[in-house]
């Protein structure tokens, strides 16, 4: 069966420089990290102790104080002041504003609006009659007159436009076209050929200058920079990378070792504290305080508790007797003033007076009764 764990990668061989750097770095780092780790563990223990014994109770007290000072007063103010006042104001607004406004809208504004709408419809009908019978015929006549004037003006404008177009064509367009075809076009072709030749010369000159500057910069800057990177910076960077990696691994290893040392020191201090303080206190509590407490409980507290219970029982019985006596005296005084209360008259009932259930064998049932 194959193992579930993936096969470990083979460790790459390391040079003597790595081995020579690793051991001194780990020793120095361990010496520097152990006090830091022990101080860190001590701070962690102190922080947890302060969190459990000081900050958490203080936070709960501050939370309770904040609720008592800010939340509960505002809740009481909202529940017992603002809500009733708001409900009263809403009721007043309903009675003083909403109901009168509804009455005003229903019995005043609605009839007035209906009257205004009826008047508006009557005025609209009159204006429609005036538009249909008066303004529309006048408008049609004015429109027919304007169409005739427009037709005359259009005929005159067409003739004038044709004359001006013919004059513009033979005075401006035809001479301009001849000038463009036989003068400007050959001159433009000659200028373009000269500009292309000048551009080719400038391009050739720029290419030569660019190649010269390229090789000059390559020889003066690029090749020295490549040599500096390849033969100086790269080896130094590899050495610094090895040193940084070893320092990081040494820090991790030293931190773990310092944690174990700190844990051992903490356990030793805890054991000393238990032997010096806790065990003597536990022994005193078990061998001295517990028997003394049992003796005090059996000899003092239990008799006192029994006596207190007996006194309480006697006091309760005395209170019960006094209460019964007072009730009996009050009943006698009421009987002396108003007399005996009337007793209800006996009624002949068909049902049995006793609480026993009816059976078929007794004579109290409806079937066997005479």
Protein backbone atom coordinates (compact mmCIF):
# COMPACT_ATOMS: atom_id res chain seq x y z
CA UNK A 1 0.00 0.00 0.00
CA UNK A 2 1.41 3.34 -1.00
CA UNK A 3 1.88 6.03 1.63
CA UNK A 4 -0.58 8.91 1.67
CA UNK A 5 2.16 11.47 2.30
CA UNK A 6 3.77 12.86 -0.88
CA UNK A 7 7.39 11.90 -1.40
CA UNK A 8 9.76 14.48 0.05
CA UNK A 9 11.87 16.43 -2.37
CA UNK A 10 15.55 15.50 -2.33
CA UNK A 11 17.63 18.10 -0.50
CA UNK A 12 19.88 20.06 -2.78
CA UNK A 13 23.57 19.89 -1.96
CA UNK A 14 24.85 22.92 -0.10
CA UNK A 15 28.20 24.53 -0.38
CA UNK A 16 30.76 25.17 2.33
CA UNK A 17 29.83 28.86 2.42
CA UNK A 18 26.24 28.04 3.46
CA UNK A 19 27.40 25.63 6.19
CA UNK A 20 30.00 28.14 7.41
CA UNK A 21 27.38 30.89 7.67
CA UNK A 22 24.59 28.78 9.20
CA UNK A 23 26.12 27.71 12.55
CA UNK A 24 27.45 31.14 13.74
CA UNK A 25 24.27 32.86 12.60
CA UNK A 26 22.07 30.39 14.48
CA UNK A 27 24.15 30.74 17.67
CA UNK A 28 24.05 34.55 17.57
CA UNK A 29 20.37 34.62 16.72
CA UNK A 30 19.53 32.12 19.49
CA UNK A 31 21.39 34.26 22.07
CA UNK A 32 19.50 37.35 20.88
CA UNK A 33 16.07 35.75 20.51
CA UNK A 34 15.81 33.83 23.82
CA UNK A 35 15.39 36.98 26.01
CA UNK A 36 12.94 38.44 23.48
CA UNK A 37 10.86 35.25 23.44
CA UNK A 38 10.83 34.99 27.23
CA UNK A 39 9.80 38.65 27.53
CA UNK A 40 7.12 38.07 24.89
CA UNK A 41 5.73 35.01 26.75
CA UNK A 42 5.76 36.97 30.03
CA UNK A 43 3.87 39.82 28.37
CA UNK A 44 1.36 37.33 26.94
CA UNK A 45 0.73 35.80 30.37
CA UNK A 46 0.40 39.26 31.98
CA UNK A 47 -1.93 40.39 29.19
CA UNK A 48 -4.19 37.34 29.58
CA UNK A 49 -4.25 37.82 33.37
CA UNK A 50 -5.14 41.50 32.98
CA UNK A 51 -7.76 40.63 30.35
CA UNK A 52 -9.48 38.07 32.57
CA UNK A 53 -9.20 39.91 35.90
CA UNK A 54 -9.22 43.62 35.04
CA UNK A 55 -10.24 44.56 31.53
CA UNK A 56 -13.18 42.17 31.07
CA UNK A 57 -14.88 43.05 34.43
CA UNK A 58 -14.07 46.72 33.83
CA UNK A 59 -15.57 46.49 30.35
CA UNK A 60 -18.72 44.82 31.68
CA UNK A 61 -19.00 47.50 34.40
CA UNK A 62 -18.53 50.27 31.84
CA UNK A 63 -21.09 48.59 29.56
CA UNK A 64 -23.61 48.40 32.41
CA UNK A 65 -22.85 52.02 33.39
CA UNK A 66 -23.25 53.12 29.77
CA UNK A 67 -26.60 51.37 29.55
CA UNK A 68 -27.70 52.84 32.89
CA UNK A 69 -26.58 56.37 31.98
CA UNK A 70 -27.45 56.55 28.29
CA UNK A 71 -29.59 53.68 26.98
CA UNK A 72 -32.17 53.17 29.75
CA UNK A 73 -32.94 56.94 30.26
CA UNK A 74 -33.46 57.37 26.52
CA UNK A 75 -35.60 54.23 26.37
CA UNK A 76 -37.70 55.50 29.30
CA UNK A 77 -37.92 58.95 27.74
CA UNK A 78 -39.02 57.44 24.42
CA UNK A 79 -41.47 54.95 25.93
CA UNK A 80 -43.07 57.02 28.67
CA UNK A 81 -42.72 60.61 27.37
CA UNK A 82 -42.19 60.93 23.64
CA UNK A 83 -44.58 58.16 22.54
CA UNK A 84 -47.53 59.40 24.67
CA UNK A 85 -46.83 63.02 23.68
CA UNK A 86 -46.61 61.98 20.00
CA UNK A 87 -49.89 60.08 20.25
CA UNK A 88 -51.55 63.09 21.92
CA UNK A 89 -50.18 65.44 19.24
CA UNK A 90 -51.37 63.05 16.51
CA UNK A 91 -54.85 62.98 18.06
CA UNK A 92 -54.88 66.80 18.33
CA UNK A 93 -53.69 67.15 14.74
CA UNK A 94 -56.40 64.76 13.60
CA UNK A 95 -59.10 66.62 15.53
CA UNK A 96 -57.88 70.17 14.78
CA UNK A 97 -56.53 69.81 11.23
CA UNK A 98 -57.51 66.62 9.42
CA UNK A 99 -61.21 66.58 10.33
CA UNK A 100 -61.76 70.35 9.56
CA UNK A 101 -59.76 70.02 6.36
CA UNK A 102 -61.87 67.04 5.27
CA UNK A 103 -65.07 68.93 6.12
CA UNK A 104 -63.83 72.03 4.22
CA UNK A 105 -62.89 69.91 1.19
CA UNK A 106 -66.15 67.97 1.19
CA UNK A 107 -68.68 70.74 1.87
CA UNK A 108 -66.91 73.89 0.54
CA UNK A 109 -64.16 73.23 -2.01
CA UNK A 110 -65.95 70.41 -3.84
CA UNK A 111 -69.15 72.43 -4.60
CA UNK A 112 -67.07 75.50 -5.53
CA UNK A 113 -64.92 73.34 -7.81
CA UNK A 114 -67.98 71.85 -9.48
CA UNK A 115 -69.35 75.36 -10.06
CA UNK A 116 -66.05 76.58 -11.50
CA UNK A 117 -65.85 73.51 -13.75
CA UNK A 118 -69.41 74.15 -15.02
CA UNK A 119 -68.56 77.80 -15.71
CA UNK A 120 -65.35 76.76 -17.49
CA UNK A 121 -67.26 74.33 -19.70
CA UNK A 122 -69.74 77.07 -20.61
CA UNK A 123 -66.93 79.53 -21.45
CA UNK A 124 -65.14 76.82 -23.48
CA UNK A 125 -68.32 76.13 -25.45
CA UNK A 126 -68.69 79.87 -26.25
CA UNK A 127 -65.05 80.16 -27.33
CA UNK A 128 -65.41 77.04 -29.50
CA UNK A 129 -68.46 78.57 -31.24
CA UNK A 130 -66.54 81.83 -31.86
CA UNK A 131 -63.56 79.86 -33.25
CA UNK A 132 -65.74 77.69 -35.50
CA UNK A 133 -68.12 80.39 -36.84
CA UNK A 134 -65.86 83.49 -36.91
CA UNK A 135 -62.10 82.97 -36.60
CA UNK A 136 -61.81 79.87 -38.78
CA UNK A 137 -63.38 81.43 -41.97
CA UNK A 138 -61.28 84.59 -41.52
CA UNK A 139 -58.14 82.47 -41.14
CA UNK A 140 -58.90 80.46 -44.29
CA UNK A 141 -59.30 83.70 -46.31
CA UNK A 142 -56.04 85.16 -45.00
CA UNK A 143 -54.26 81.86 -45.74
CA UNK A 144 -55.55 81.83 -49.37
CA UNK A 145 -54.34 85.42 -49.85
CA UNK A 146 -50.91 84.64 -48.43
CA UNK A 147 -50.59 81.56 -50.69
CA UNK A 148 -51.22 83.72 -53.78
CA UNK A 149 -48.64 86.31 -52.73
CA UNK A 150 -46.16 83.52 -52.00
CA UNK A 151 -46.65 81.96 -55.46
CA UNK A 152 -45.95 85.31 -57.16
CA UNK A 153 -42.83 85.90 -55.07
CA UNK A 154 -41.62 82.32 -55.74
CA UNK A 155 -41.88 82.82 -59.52
CA UNK A 156 -39.90 86.06 -59.32
CA UNK A 157 -37.25 84.45 -57.07
CA UNK A 158 -36.81 81.48 -59.44
CA UNK A 159 -36.02 83.73 -62.40
CA UNK A 160 -33.59 85.88 -60.44
CA UNK A 161 -31.86 82.77 -59.05
CA UNK A 162 -31.43 81.26 -62.55
CA UNK A 163 -29.86 84.48 -63.87
CA UNK A 164 -27.44 84.82 -61.00
CA UNK A 165 -26.51 81.11 -61.22
CA UNK A 166 -25.62 81.38 -64.93
CA UNK A 167 -23.51 84.52 -64.33
CA UNK A 168 -21.70 82.92 -61.34
CA UNK A 169 -20.90 79.75 -63.32
CA UNK A 170 -19.28 81.54 -66.30
CA UNK A 171 -17.64 84.34 -64.29
CA UNK A 172 -16.16 82.29 -61.36
CA UNK A 173 -16.50 78.47 -61.58
CA UNK A 174 -15.17 77.89 -65.13
CA UNK A 175 -12.07 80.17 -64.68
CA UNK A 176 -11.33 78.67 -61.25
CA UNK A 177 -11.52 75.09 -62.62
CA UNK A 178 -9.15 75.97 -65.53
CA UNK A 179 -6.70 77.60 -63.07
CA UNK A 180 -6.75 74.53 -60.79
CA UNK A 181 -6.30 72.03 -63.67
CA UNK A 182 -3.55 73.72 -65.72
CA UNK A 183 -1.66 75.84 -63.12
CA UNK A 184 -2.05 74.73 -59.47
CA UNK A 185 -1.94 70.95 -60.07
CA UNK A 186 1.45 70.90 -61.92
CA UNK A 187 2.95 73.31 -59.38
CA UNK A 188 1.68 71.14 -56.49
CA UNK A 189 3.15 67.97 -58.02
CA UNK A 190 6.54 69.66 -58.35
CA UNK A 191 6.47 70.90 -54.75
CA UNK A 192 5.47 67.42 -53.47
CA UNK A 193 8.36 65.77 -55.39
CA UNK A 194 10.82 68.27 -53.86
CA UNK A 195 9.44 67.67 -50.36
CA UNK A 196 9.72 63.86 -50.76
CA UNK A 197 13.35 64.17 -51.88
CA UNK A 198 14.15 66.43 -48.94
CA UNK A 199 12.44 63.98 -46.56
CA UNK A 200 14.47 61.06 -47.95
CA UNK A 201 17.73 63.00 -47.39
CA UNK A 202 16.72 63.96 -43.84
CA UNK A 203 15.72 60.34 -43.09
CA UNK A 204 19.07 59.03 -44.32
CA UNK A 205 20.90 61.62 -42.19
CA UNK A 206 18.79 60.77 -39.11
CA UNK A 207 19.45 57.03 -39.59
CA UNK A 208 23.20 57.58 -39.64
CA UNK A 209 23.11 59.81 -36.58
CA UNK A 210 20.87 57.28 -34.76
CA UNK A 211 23.20 54.36 -35.48
CA UNK A 212 26.18 56.41 -34.30
CA UNK A 213 24.43 57.37 -31.05
CA UNK A 214 23.21 53.77 -30.53
CA UNK A 215 26.65 52.22 -30.76
CA UNK A 216 28.17 55.01 -28.70
CA UNK A 217 25.62 54.49 -25.90
CA UNK A 218 25.98 50.70 -26.14
CA UNK A 219 29.77 50.86 -25.79
CA UNK A 220 29.80 53.56 -23.11
CA UNK A 221 26.80 52.51 -20.95
CA UNK A 222 25.19 49.15 -21.82
CA UNK A 223 28.26 46.91 -21.98
CA UNK A 224 29.77 48.28 -18.70
CA UNK A 225 26.38 47.95 -16.98
CA UNK A 226 26.00 44.34 -18.20
CA UNK A 227 29.49 43.50 -17.02
CA UNK A 228 28.84 45.15 -13.62
CA UNK A 229 25.59 43.21 -13.19
CA UNK A 230 26.99 39.89 -14.40
CA UNK A 231 30.36 39.84 -12.61
CA UNK A 232 29.72 41.96 -9.45
CA UNK A 233 26.07 42.56 -8.51
CA UNK A 234 24.75 39.08 -9.32
CA UNK A 235 27.37 37.19 -7.21
CA UNK A 236 26.99 39.68 -4.34
CA UNK A 237 23.20 39.34 -4.55
CA UNK A 238 23.42 35.55 -4.42
CA UNK A 239 25.63 35.74 -1.32
CA UNK A 240 23.25 38.22 0.34
CA UNK A 241 20.28 36.00 -0.57
CA UNK A 242 21.99 33.01 1.06
CA UNK A 243 22.75 35.11 4.16
CA UNK A 244 19.18 36.44 4.34
CA UNK A 245 17.73 32.93 3.93
CA UNK A 246 19.95 31.53 6.63
CA UNK A 247 19.13 34.43 8.95
CA UNK A 248 15.41 33.84 8.40
CA UNK A 249 15.70 30.11 9.02
CA UNK A 250 17.86 30.82 12.08
CA UNK A 251 15.24 33.25 13.42
CA UNK A 252 12.49 30.65 13.01
CA UNK A 253 14.57 27.90 14.59
CA UNK A 254 15.69 30.17 17.43
CA UNK A 255 12.10 31.35 18.05
CA UNK A 256 10.90 27.74 18.37
CA UNK A 257 13.81 26.77 20.63
CA UNK A 258 13.26 29.92 22.72
CA UNK A 259 9.58 28.97 23.03
CA UNK A 260 10.52 25.58 24.44
CA UNK A 261 13.02 27.19 26.82
CA UNK A 262 10.43 29.77 27.90
CA UNK A 263 7.84 27.04 28.41
CA UNK A 264 10.28 25.04 30.56
CA UNK A 265 11.17 28.14 32.60
CA UNK A 266 7.47 28.96 33.05
CA UNK A 267 6.70 25.42 34.18
CA UNK A 268 9.59 25.56 36.64
CA UNK A 269 8.40 28.91 38.02
CA UNK A 270 4.85 27.52 38.25
CA UNK A 271 6.11 24.47 40.12
CA UNK A 272 8.09 26.67 42.55
CA UNK A 273 5.04 28.90 43.07
CA UNK A 274 2.88 25.84 43.75
CA UNK A 275 5.39 24.38 46.22
CA UNK A 276 6.06 27.68 47.97
CA UNK A 277 2.53 29.18 48.14
CA UNK A 278 -0.24 26.89 46.92
CA UNK A 279 0.70 23.67 48.73
CA UNK A 280 1.13 25.39 52.16
CA UNK A 281 -2.16 27.23 51.69
CA UNK A 282 -3.88 24.00 50.62
CA UNK A 283 -2.40 22.15 53.61
CA UNK A 284 -3.53 24.90 56.02
CA UNK A 285 -7.01 24.86 54.45
CA UNK A 286 -7.34 21.05 54.63
CA UNK A 287 -5.75 20.38 58.03
CA UNK A 288 -6.68 23.51 60.03
CA UNK A 289 -9.42 25.64 58.51
CA UNK A 290 -11.70 22.79 57.38
CA UNK A 291 -11.86 21.03 60.85
CA UNK A 292 -12.26 24.39 62.58
CA UNK A 293 -15.05 25.33 60.16
CA UNK A 294 -16.79 21.98 60.76
CA UNK A 295 -16.56 22.46 64.52
CA UNK A 296 -17.96 26.01 64.25
CA UNK A 297 -20.72 24.78 61.96
CA UNK A 298 -21.71 21.86 64.22
CA UNK A 299 -21.25 23.66 67.57
CA UNK A 300 -22.42 27.19 66.79
CA UNK A 301 -24.13 27.72 63.45
CA UNK A 302 -26.50 24.73 63.44
CA UNK A 303 -27.82 25.36 67.02
CA UNK A 304 -28.24 29.03 66.18
CA UNK A 305 -30.08 28.14 62.96
CA UNK A 306 -32.34 25.67 64.83
CA UNK A 307 -33.10 28.30 67.47
CA UNK A 308 -33.90 30.89 64.79
CA UNK A 309 -36.20 28.40 63.05
CA UNK A 310 -37.93 27.59 66.32
CA UNK A 311 -38.41 31.29 67.08
CA UNK A 312 -39.78 31.81 63.57
CA UNK A 313 -42.18 28.89 63.99
CA UNK A 314 -43.44 30.24 67.33
CA UNK A 315 -43.82 33.71 65.82
CA UNK A 316 -45.81 32.33 62.88
CA UNK A 317 -48.08 30.35 65.21
CA UNK A 318 -48.62 33.46 67.37
CA UNK A 319 -49.44 35.54 64.28
CA UNK A 320 -51.87 32.85 63.07
CA UNK A 321 -53.60 32.73 66.47
CA UNK A 322 -53.81 36.54 66.61
CA UNK A 323 -55.24 36.62 63.09
CA UNK A 324 -57.90 34.00 63.95
CA UNK A 325 -58.80 35.88 67.16
CA UNK A 326 -59.15 39.16 65.27
CA UNK A 327 -61.31 37.50 62.60
CA UNK A 328 -63.56 35.92 65.26
CA UNK A 329 -63.86 39.26 67.12
CA UNK A 330 -64.78 41.06 63.91
CA UNK A 331 -67.45 38.43 63.11
CA UNK A 332 -68.92 38.75 66.65
CA UNK A 333 -69.00 42.54 66.38
CA UNK A 334 -70.76 42.40 62.99
CA UNK A 335 -73.28 39.84 64.37
CA UNK A 336 -73.92 42.15 67.34
CA UNK A 337 -74.63 45.12 65.05
CA UNK A 338 -76.61 43.61 62.15
CA UNK A 339 -77.72 40.27 63.58
CA UNK A 340 -77.46 36.77 62.18
CA UNK A 341 -77.41 36.53 58.38
CA UNK A 342 -80.43 34.94 56.68
CA UNK A 343 -80.10 31.33 55.80
CA UNK A 344 -81.47 30.22 52.41
CA UNK A 345 -84.77 28.29 52.52
CA UNK A 346 -84.64 24.58 51.79
CA UNK A 347 -85.90 23.65 48.31
CA UNK A 348 -87.27 20.29 47.31
CA UNK A 349 -84.81 19.11 44.71
CA UNK A 350 -85.10 16.03 42.56
CA UNK A 351 -81.38 15.62 42.52
CA UNK A 352 -79.66 13.92 45.45
CA UNK A 353 -78.35 16.40 48.02
CA UNK A 354 -75.32 14.29 48.88
CA UNK A 355 -72.16 14.21 46.80
CA UNK A 356 -72.53 10.49 46.06
CA UNK A 357 -73.10 9.55 42.46
CA UNK A 358 -76.40 8.09 41.30
CA UNK A 359 -76.62 4.37 40.52
CA UNK A 360 -79.31 2.15 39.04
CA UNK A 361 -79.65 0.22 42.30
CA UNK A 362 -80.63 3.25 44.43
CA UNK A 363 -84.07 4.83 44.61
CA UNK A 364 -82.81 8.29 43.85
CA UNK A 365 -82.77 7.83 40.08
CA UNK A 366 -85.58 8.95 37.79
CA UNK A 367 -86.32 5.36 36.66
CA UNK A 368 -86.74 3.71 40.10
CA UNK A 369 -88.15 6.63 42.08
CA UNK A 370 -91.83 6.29 43.12
